[in-house]
Amino acid sequence: MTLQERLTALATAIGVDMKGKAASTHGHANATPSVAGFMSAGDKAKLDALTITVSATAPANPNIGDLWVDTST
């Protein structure tokens, strides 16, 4: 198979894979806790409820789902 034939086959395969996909210029609204956007409204509410601690000391009473970023190293 020549290089040109390989490139043509690759372009055809990419075209098939991209069929039905959104254009690269499409957009999404920002999600809010009550309105879906790029993520669901439920996921946005969960994300907003997270507590993120950035410290060298671990939180004394972390809640399930809290994030702690260890800056000691």
PDB file of N, CA and C in Angstrom:
ATOM      1  N   MET A   1       0.866  -1.173   0.000  1.00  0.00           N
ATOM      2  CA  MET A   1       0.000   0.000   0.000  1.00  0.00           C
ATOM      3  C   MET A   1       0.909   1.231   0.000  1.00  0.00           C
ATOM      4  N   THR A   2       0.620   2.142  -0.879  1.00  0.00           N
ATOM      5  CA  THR A   2       1.430   3.357  -0.954  1.00  0.00           C
ATOM      6  C   THR A   2       1.078   4.299   0.189  1.00  0.00           C
ATOM      7  N   LEU A   3       1.941   5.289   0.394  1.00  0.00           N
ATOM      8  CA  LEU A   3       1.680   6.286   1.419  1.00  0.00           C
ATOM      9  C   LEU A   3       0.371   7.014   1.135  1.00  0.00           C
ATOM     10  N   GLN A   4       0.142   7.359  -0.107  1.00  0.00           N
ATOM     11  CA  GLN A   4      -1.090   8.068  -0.468  1.00  0.00           C
ATOM     12  C   GLN A   4      -2.314   7.210  -0.167  1.00  0.00           C
ATOM     13  N   GLU A   5      -2.243   5.926  -0.442  1.00  0.00           N
ATOM     14  CA  GLU A   5      -3.360   5.029  -0.155  1.00  0.00           C
ATOM     15  C   GLU A   5      -3.590   4.916   1.352  1.00  0.00           C
ATOM     16  N   ARG A   6      -2.513   4.859   2.115  1.00  0.00           N
ATOM     17  CA  ARG A   6      -2.637   4.796   3.565  1.00  0.00           C
ATOM     18  C   ARG A   6      -3.272   6.063   4.122  1.00  0.00           C
ATOM     19  N   LEU A   7      -2.835   7.216   3.613  1.00  0.00           N
ATOM     20  CA  LEU A   7      -3.401   8.489   4.068  1.00  0.00           C
ATOM     21  C   LEU A   7      -4.877   8.589   3.709  1.00  0.00           C
ATOM     22  N   THR A   8      -5.229   8.119   2.534  1.00  0.00           N
ATOM     23  CA  THR A   8      -6.632   8.141   2.112  1.00  0.00           C
ATOM     24  C   THR A   8      -7.469   7.230   3.003  1.00  0.00           C
ATOM     25  N   ALA A   9      -6.939   6.039   3.317  1.00  0.00           N
ATOM     26  CA  ALA A   9      -7.654   5.111   4.193  1.00  0.00           C
ATOM     27  C   ALA A   9      -7.810   5.706   5.585  1.00  0.00           C
ATOM     28  N   LEU A  10      -6.771   6.371   6.082  1.00  0.00           N
ATOM     29  CA  LEU A  10      -6.836   6.998   7.396  1.00  0.00           C
ATOM     30  C   LEU A  10      -7.879   8.114   7.409  1.00  0.00           C
ATOM     31  N   ALA A  11      -7.871   8.953   6.382  1.00  0.00           N
ATOM     32  CA  ALA A  11      -8.849  10.043   6.302  1.00  0.00           C
ATOM     33  C   ALA A  11     -10.268   9.488   6.257  1.00  0.00           C
ATOM     34  N   THR A  12     -10.462   8.402   5.530  1.00  0.00           N
ATOM     35  CA  THR A  12     -11.784   7.777   5.458  1.00  0.00           C
ATOM     36  C   THR A  12     -12.200   7.245   6.822  1.00  0.00           C
ATOM     37  N   ALA A  13     -11.282   6.576   7.517  1.00  0.00           N
ATOM     38  CA  ALA A  13     -11.588   6.035   8.847  1.00  0.00           C
ATOM     39  C   ALA A  13     -11.922   7.146   9.833  1.00  0.00           C
ATOM     40  N   ILE A  14     -11.178   8.236   9.790  1.00  0.00           N
ATOM     41  CA  ILE A  14     -11.452   9.367  10.673  1.00  0.00           C
ATOM     42  C   ILE A  14     -12.820   9.956  10.363  1.00  0.00           C
ATOM     43  N   GLY A  15     -13.140  10.074   9.076  1.00  0.00           N
ATOM     44  CA  GLY A  15     -14.450  10.589   8.686  1.00  0.00           C
ATOM     45  C   GLY A  15     -15.575   9.733   9.227  1.00  0.00           C
ATOM     46  N   VAL A  16     -15.406   8.416   9.192  1.00  0.00           N
ATOM     47  CA  VAL A  16     -16.420   7.496   9.715  1.00  0.00           C
ATOM     48  C   VAL A  16     -16.524   7.663  11.227  1.00  0.00           C
ATOM     49  N   ASP A  17     -15.378   7.743  11.916  1.00  0.00           N
ATOM     50  CA  ASP A  17     -15.385   7.902  13.372  1.00  0.00           C
ATOM     51  C   ASP A  17     -16.034   9.210  13.801  1.00  0.00           C
ATOM     52  N   MET A  18     -15.894  10.250  13.020  1.00  0.00           N
ATOM     53  CA  MET A  18     -16.407  11.568  13.394  1.00  0.00           C
ATOM     54  C   MET A  18     -17.869  11.768  13.021  1.00  0.00           C
ATOM     55  N   LYS A  19     -18.438  10.859  12.262  1.00  0.00           N
ATOM     56  CA  LYS A  19     -19.830  10.985  11.846  1.00  0.00           C
ATOM     57  C   LYS A  19     -20.737  11.044  13.070  1.00  0.00           C
ATOM     58  N   GLY A  20     -21.549  12.057  13.160  1.00  0.00           N
ATOM     59  CA  GLY A  20     -22.473  12.215  14.266  1.00  0.00           C
ATOM     60  C   GLY A  20     -21.896  12.947  15.470  1.00  0.00           C
ATOM     61  N   LYS A  21     -20.619  13.272  15.422  1.00  0.00           N
ATOM     62  CA  LYS A  21     -19.998  13.999  16.528  1.00  0.00           C
ATOM     63  C   LYS A  21     -20.303  15.493  16.393  1.00  0.00           C
ATOM     64  N   ALA A  22     -20.247  16.204  17.481  1.00  0.00           N
ATOM     65  CA  ALA A  22     -20.506  17.642  17.473  1.00  0.00           C
ATOM     66  C   ALA A  22     -19.356  18.384  16.799  1.00  0.00           C
ATOM     67  N   ALA A  23     -19.666  19.503  16.200  1.00  0.00           N
ATOM     68  CA  ALA A  23     -18.637  20.341  15.590  1.00  0.00           C
ATOM     69  C   ALA A  23     -17.701  20.879  16.662  1.00  0.00           C
ATOM     70  N   SER A  24     -16.458  21.149  16.288  1.00  0.00           N
ATOM     71  CA  SER A  24     -15.491  21.646  17.273  1.00  0.00           C
ATOM     72  C   SER A  24     -15.833  23.048  17.743  1.00  0.00           C
ATOM     73  N   THR A  25     -16.733  23.719  17.074  1.00  0.00           N
ATOM     74  CA  THR A  25     -17.096  25.090  17.449  1.00  0.00           C
ATOM     75  C   THR A  25     -18.356  25.166  18.302  1.00  0.00           C
ATOM     76  N   HIS A  26     -18.904  24.024  18.715  1.00  0.00           N
ATOM     77  CA  HIS A  26     -20.124  24.057  19.522  1.00  0.00           C
ATOM     78  C   HIS A  26     -19.797  24.501  20.944  1.00  0.00           C
ATOM     79  N   GLY A  27     -20.810  24.895  21.683  1.00  0.00           N
ATOM     80  CA  GLY A  27     -20.601  25.364  23.045  1.00  0.00           C
ATOM     81  C   GLY A  27     -21.549  24.721  24.025  1.00  0.00           C
ATOM     82  N   HIS A  28     -21.301  24.968  25.283  1.00  0.00           N
ATOM     83  CA  HIS A  28     -22.155  24.474  26.360  1.00  0.00           C
ATOM     84  C   HIS A  28     -22.402  25.614  27.330  1.00  0.00           C
ATOM     85  N   ALA A  29     -23.586  25.661  27.862  1.00  0.00           N
ATOM     86  CA  ALA A  29     -23.883  26.640  28.899  1.00  0.00           C
ATOM     87  C   ALA A  29     -23.209  26.208  30.195  1.00  0.00           C
ATOM     88  N   ASN A  30     -22.960  27.149  31.079  1.00  0.00           N
ATOM     89  CA  ASN A  30     -22.444  26.808  32.401  1.00  0.00           C
ATOM     90  C   ASN A  30     -23.534  26.111  33.194  1.00  0.00           C
ATOM     91  N   ALA A  31     -23.155  25.076  33.917  1.00  0.00           N
ATOM     92  CA  ALA A  31     -24.113  24.366  34.773  1.00  0.00           C
ATOM     93  C   ALA A  31     -24.326  25.146  36.056  1.00  0.00           C
ATOM     94  N   THR A  32     -25.528  25.070  36.573  1.00  0.00           N
ATOM     95  CA  THR A  32     -25.848  25.631  37.889  1.00  0.00           C
ATOM     96  C   THR A  32     -26.463  24.498  38.702  1.00  0.00           C
ATOM     97  N   PRO A  33     -26.647  24.665  39.999  1.00  0.00           N
ATOM     98  CA  PRO A  33     -27.278  23.593  40.771  1.00  0.00           C
ATOM     99  C   PRO A  33     -28.693  23.246  40.311  1.00  0.00           C
ATOM    100  N   SER A  34     -29.336  24.127  39.540  1.00  0.00           N
ATOM    101  CA  SER A  34     -30.701  23.834  39.100  1.00  0.00           C
ATOM    102  C   SER A  34     -30.838  23.662  37.587  1.00  0.00           C
ATOM    103  N   VAL A  35     -29.806  24.030  36.808  1.00  0.00           N
ATOM    104  CA  VAL A  35     -29.883  23.937  35.346  1.00  0.00           C
ATOM    105  C   VAL A  35     -28.641  23.217  34.815  1.00  0.00           C
ATOM    106  N   ALA A  36     -28.862  22.180  34.023  1.00  0.00           N
ATOM    107  CA  ALA A  36     -27.739  21.455  33.436  1.00  0.00           C
ATOM    108  C   ALA A  36     -27.032  22.314  32.399  1.00  0.00           C
ATOM    109  N   GLY A  37     -25.764  22.078  32.240  1.00  0.00           N
ATOM    110  CA  GLY A  37     -24.959  22.737  31.216  1.00  0.00           C
ATOM    111  C   GLY A  37     -23.978  21.712  30.708  1.00  0.00           C
ATOM    112  N   PHE A  38     -22.671  21.977  30.859  1.00  0.00           N
ATOM    113  CA  PHE A  38     -21.653  21.022  30.439  1.00  0.00           C
ATOM    114  C   PHE A  38     -21.700  19.775  31.317  1.00  0.00           C
ATOM    115  N   MET A  39     -22.227  19.890  32.514  1.00  0.00           N
ATOM    116  CA  MET A  39     -22.461  18.745  33.395  1.00  0.00           C
ATOM    117  C   MET A  39     -23.904  18.827  33.874  1.00  0.00           C
ATOM    118  N   SER A  40     -24.353  17.757  34.509  1.00  0.00           N
ATOM    119  CA  SER A  40     -25.736  17.768  34.986  1.00  0.00           C
ATOM    120  C   SER A  40     -25.876  18.711  36.178  1.00  0.00           C
ATOM    121  N   ALA A  41     -27.080  19.188  36.401  1.00  0.00           N
ATOM    122  CA  ALA A  41     -27.349  20.068  37.542  1.00  0.00           C
ATOM    123  C   ALA A  41     -27.042  19.346  38.849  1.00  0.00           C
ATOM    124  N   GLY A  42     -27.346  18.052  38.913  1.00  0.00           N
ATOM    125  CA  GLY A  42     -27.061  17.276  40.121  1.00  0.00           C
ATOM    126  C   GLY A  42     -25.571  17.175  40.398  1.00  0.00           C
ATOM    127  N   ASP A  43     -24.773  16.943  39.352  1.00  0.00           N
ATOM    128  CA  ASP A  43     -23.323  16.876  39.529  1.00  0.00           C
ATOM    129  C   ASP A  43     -22.763  18.235  39.932  1.00  0.00           C
ATOM    130  N   LYS A  44     -23.312  19.308  39.375  1.00  0.00           N
ATOM    131  CA  LYS A  44     -22.855  20.656  39.749  1.00  0.00           C
ATOM    132  C   LYS A  44     -23.145  20.915  41.223  1.00  0.00           C
ATOM    133  N   ALA A  45     -24.300  20.509  41.694  1.00  0.00           N
ATOM    134  CA  ALA A  45     -24.643  20.696  43.106  1.00  0.00           C
ATOM    135  C   ALA A  45     -23.674  19.909  43.997  1.00  0.00           C
ATOM    136  N   LYS A  46     -23.327  18.671  43.590  1.00  0.00           N
ATOM    137  CA  LYS A  46     -22.377  17.866  44.356  1.00  0.00           C
ATOM    138  C   LYS A  46     -21.000  18.533  44.376  1.00  0.00           C
ATOM    139  N   LEU A  47     -20.569  19.038  43.240  1.00  0.00           N
ATOM    140  CA  LEU A  47     -19.271  19.696  43.150  1.00  0.00           C
ATOM    141  C   LEU A  47     -19.231  20.941  44.029  1.00  0.00           C
ATOM    142  N   ASP A  48     -20.292  21.722  43.997  1.00  0.00           N
ATOM    143  CA  ASP A  48     -20.354  22.934  44.820  1.00  0.00           C
ATOM    144  C   ASP A  48     -20.346  22.612  46.316  1.00  0.00           C
ATOM    145  N   ALA A  49     -20.816  21.417  46.681  1.00  0.00           N
ATOM    146  CA  ALA A  49     -20.887  21.050  48.092  1.00  0.00           C
ATOM    147  C   ALA A  49     -19.554  20.545  48.650  1.00  0.00           C
ATOM    148  N   LEU A  50     -18.578  20.295  47.783  1.00  0.00           N
ATOM    149  CA  LEU A  50     -17.282  19.803  48.254  1.00  0.00           C
ATOM    150  C   LEU A  50     -16.538  20.865  49.048  1.00  0.00           C
ATOM    151  N   THR A  51     -15.821  20.413  50.039  1.00  0.00           N
ATOM    152  CA  THR A  51     -14.914  21.276  50.775  1.00  0.00           C
ATOM    153  C   THR A  51     -13.503  20.900  50.346  1.00  0.00           C
ATOM    154  N   ILE A  52     -12.706  21.871  49.955  1.00  0.00           N
ATOM    155  CA  ILE A  52     -11.333  21.615  49.540  1.00  0.00           C
ATOM    156  C   ILE A  52     -10.405  22.336  50.496  1.00  0.00           C
ATOM    157  N   THR A  53      -9.523  21.578  51.122  1.00  0.00           N
ATOM    158  CA  THR A  53      -8.559  22.133  52.067  1.00  0.00           C
ATOM    159  C   THR A  53      -7.164  22.017  51.464  1.00  0.00           C
ATOM    160  N   VAL A  54      -6.453  23.130  51.399  1.00  0.00           N
ATOM    161  CA  VAL A  54      -5.074  23.129  50.916  1.00  0.00           C
ATOM    162  C   VAL A  54      -4.205  23.533  52.093  1.00  0.00           C
ATOM    163  N   SER A  55      -3.473  22.541  52.620  1.00  0.00           N
ATOM    164  CA  SER A  55      -2.707  22.775  53.845  1.00  0.00           C
ATOM    165  C   SER A  55      -1.721  21.639  54.051  1.00  0.00           C
ATOM    166  N   ALA A  56      -0.703  21.876  54.856  1.00  0.00           N
ATOM    167  CA  ALA A  56       0.247  20.825  55.205  1.00  0.00           C
ATOM    168  C   ALA A  56      -0.284  19.956  56.335  1.00  0.00           C
ATOM    169  N   THR A  57      -1.366  20.363  56.961  1.00  0.00           N
ATOM    170  CA  THR A  57      -1.945  19.629  58.080  1.00  0.00           C
ATOM    171  C   THR A  57      -3.296  19.044  57.665  1.00  0.00           C
ATOM    172  N   ALA A  58      -3.461  17.758  57.889  1.00  0.00           N
ATOM    173  CA  ALA A  58      -4.723  17.102  57.537  1.00  0.00           C
ATOM    174  C   ALA A  58      -5.870  17.674  58.363  1.00  0.00           C
ATOM    175  N   PRO A  59      -7.066  17.788  57.790  1.00  0.00           N
ATOM    176  CA  PRO A  59      -8.218  18.273  58.552  1.00  0.00           C
ATOM    177  C   PRO A  59      -8.500  17.356  59.743  1.00  0.00           C
ATOM    178  N   ALA A  60      -8.879  17.928  60.871  1.00  0.00           N
ATOM    179  CA  ALA A  60      -9.144  17.152  62.089  1.00  0.00           C
ATOM    180  C   ALA A  60     -10.393  16.289  61.945  1.00  0.00           C
ATOM    181  N   ASN A  61     -11.453  16.820  61.325  1.00  0.00           N
ATOM    182  CA  ASN A  61     -12.725  16.101  61.197  1.00  0.00           C
ATOM    183  C   ASN A  61     -13.232  16.176  59.759  1.00  0.00           C
ATOM    184  N   PRO A  62     -12.577  15.484  58.839  1.00  0.00           N
ATOM    185  CA  PRO A  62     -13.030  15.575  57.451  1.00  0.00           C
ATOM    186  C   PRO A  62     -14.370  14.874  57.251  1.00  0.00           C
ATOM    187  N   ASN A  63     -15.139  15.381  56.313  1.00  0.00           N
ATOM    188  CA  ASN A  63     -16.399  14.752  55.938  1.00  0.00           C
ATOM    189  C   ASN A  63     -16.159  13.863  54.728  1.00  0.00           C
ATOM    190  N   ILE A  64     -16.994  12.851  54.549  1.00  0.00           N
ATOM    191  CA  ILE A  64     -16.900  12.004  53.368  1.00  0.00           C
ATOM    192  C   ILE A  64     -17.039  12.888  52.133  1.00  0.00           C
ATOM    193  N   GLY A  65     -16.117  12.748  51.206  1.00  0.00           N
ATOM    194  CA  GLY A  65     -16.157  13.534  49.977  1.00  0.00           C
ATOM    195  C   GLY A  65     -15.310  14.789  50.021  1.00  0.00           C
ATOM    196  N   ASP A  66     -14.830  15.201  51.212  1.00  0.00           N
ATOM    197  CA  ASP A  66     -13.958  16.375  51.298  1.00  0.00           C
ATOM    198  C   ASP A  66     -12.622  16.061  50.646  1.00  0.00           C
ATOM    199  N   LEU A  67     -12.018  17.050  50.083  1.00  0.00           N
ATOM    200  CA  LEU A  67     -10.700  16.907  49.462  1.00  0.00           C
ATOM    201  C   LEU A  67      -9.671  17.651  50.273  1.00  0.00           C
ATOM    202  N   TRP A  68      -8.504  17.046  50.430  1.00  0.00           N
ATOM    203  CA  TRP A  68      -7.412  17.682  51.133  1.00  0.00           C
ATOM    204  C   TRP A  68      -6.170  17.600  50.254  1.00  0.00           C
ATOM    205  N   VAL A  69      -5.535  18.712  49.984  1.00  0.00           N
ATOM    206  CA  VAL A  69      -4.324  18.763  49.188  1.00  0.00           C
ATOM    207  C   VAL A  69      -3.163  18.978  50.150  1.00  0.00           C
ATOM    208  N   ASP A  70      -2.288  17.978  50.234  1.00  0.00           N
ATOM    209  CA  ASP A  70      -1.140  18.025  51.157  1.00  0.00           C
ATOM    210  C   ASP A  70      -0.033  18.863  50.530  1.00  0.00           C
ATOM    211  N   THR A  71       0.284  19.972  51.144  1.00  0.00           N
ATOM    212  CA  THR A  71       1.337  20.867  50.628  1.00  0.00           C
ATOM    213  C   THR A  71       2.652  20.687  51.357  1.00  0.00           C
ATOM    214  N   SER A  72       2.759  19.658  52.194  1.00  0.00           N
ATOM    215  CA  SER A  72       3.974  19.473  52.997  1.00  0.00           C
ATOM    216  C   SER A  72       5.149  18.945  52.193  1.00  0.00           C
ATOM    217  N   THR A  73       4.907  18.422  51.017  1.00  0.00           N
ATOM    218  CA  THR A  73       6.021  17.883  50.209  1.00  0.00           C
ATOM    219  C   THR A  73       6.164  18.610  48.908  1.00  0.00           C
TER     220      THR A  73
END
